Amino acid sequence: MIIDIHGHYTTAPPQHQAFRDAQLARLADPSLPAPQPAAISDDAIRESVEHNQLKVLRERGADLMLFSPKASGMAHHVPDPVTARDWARANNDLVRRVVGLFPQHFAAVCQLPQTANGPLDDAIAELRRCVEQLGFVGCNLNPDPSGGHWNAPPLTDPYWYSLYETMAELDVPAMIHVSTSCNPNFHTLGAHYLNADTSAFMQFVEGDLFDRFPTLRFVIPHGGGAVPYHWGRYRGLAVRMGRPDPAQHLMNNVYFDTCVYHQPGIDLLHRVVGTDNILFASEMLGAVRGVDPATGIAWDDTKQYVDRARLTDEQRKKVFETNARRVYPRLDARLTAEGR
């Protein structure tokens, strides 16, 4: 089985965006009526997925995708907690409907209703609802709800502990994933996302989070940002600060995906990080679309890069399937119950 652990609902029907637009309009003019989530038919959802993510998934030979709301659309920089809660709930309910329509091909990962430096009570409640009631297998966690201004506490700060306690209790991992950038210095897709991946790893290097939460698991997407390329820098900084080597300190809790869109990057990721900590992913129809003119390969067709990497059959199986089942035990339980 080939499991793609990083997919977003970037093709949701336009009525869903209309609901968001109405939310934002009401924030600007509170005299407007409170909007309700759009009435979207099953046929509209089928059409939005069958001709997009499902079609590409089948064409590229993968079997199942972990599916979450559109990352740049989470928009945690909007400061109103009620709006954040209602928007996250609407997004997650829509993803749950996709899974219900295509259970053989999708499993759900939830958006959390975060706001910059806001309380985490709503995020914890939504995580519980999604996991315990709707069958979600993980969540996306934004380390910078401000949208590029980075005024949130680091991920090792006690501010996050109540959420981590819930994640540990539910035995679900989080993918570290920021949303849109409000800072013009940081392009959302080319800078902000990769800044977050790199910054999160350094925060883990500096802290002792996993001594307190030994079962906590994080996936750092986009191949870990700069981490594999600068692995020596992180090891050297750890030594300089009197910290443990990250190879021993973090690798029972921190994992990386294969959303790296060229062969040399995939090869480096495997040489530096090692296959035990790599999960196959593509983020298809996401940040980088189209075909590399030098190779004729779609940028986000990461399976071709993994296929070309010098991996043994055992290593390839880990990357494509068994690591995902280990990091997402609720996914594994579901697949096992289905005989897969």
Foldseek 3Di string as FASTA:
>chain_A
DFEAEDAALPQQDVQQVVLVVVLVVCVVPVVDDNDDGDDDDLVRLCVSCVVFVVVVCVVLPHWAYAYEHFFQVLLQLPADQVSLLRSQVSRQVSLLSNCVVPVRHYAYEGEASHHAVDARPSRLVVVCCCVVPRPHQAYEDEQGSNAAPRPHDAPLDPSCVVVLVSCLVSVHAYEHAHYHHPDVVAHRQPGVLLVRLQRNVLSQQPDQSCVVVVSYAYEYEPLSRCCLVVVVVSQVVCVVVVTDRCLPRPQSHYAYEQCHQDQVSNQSSCVRNNLLRYAYHQNPPHDAADADVVPRHTRRSSVVSLVPHPDDPVSSCSRRPDSVCVSRVSVVVVCVVVVD
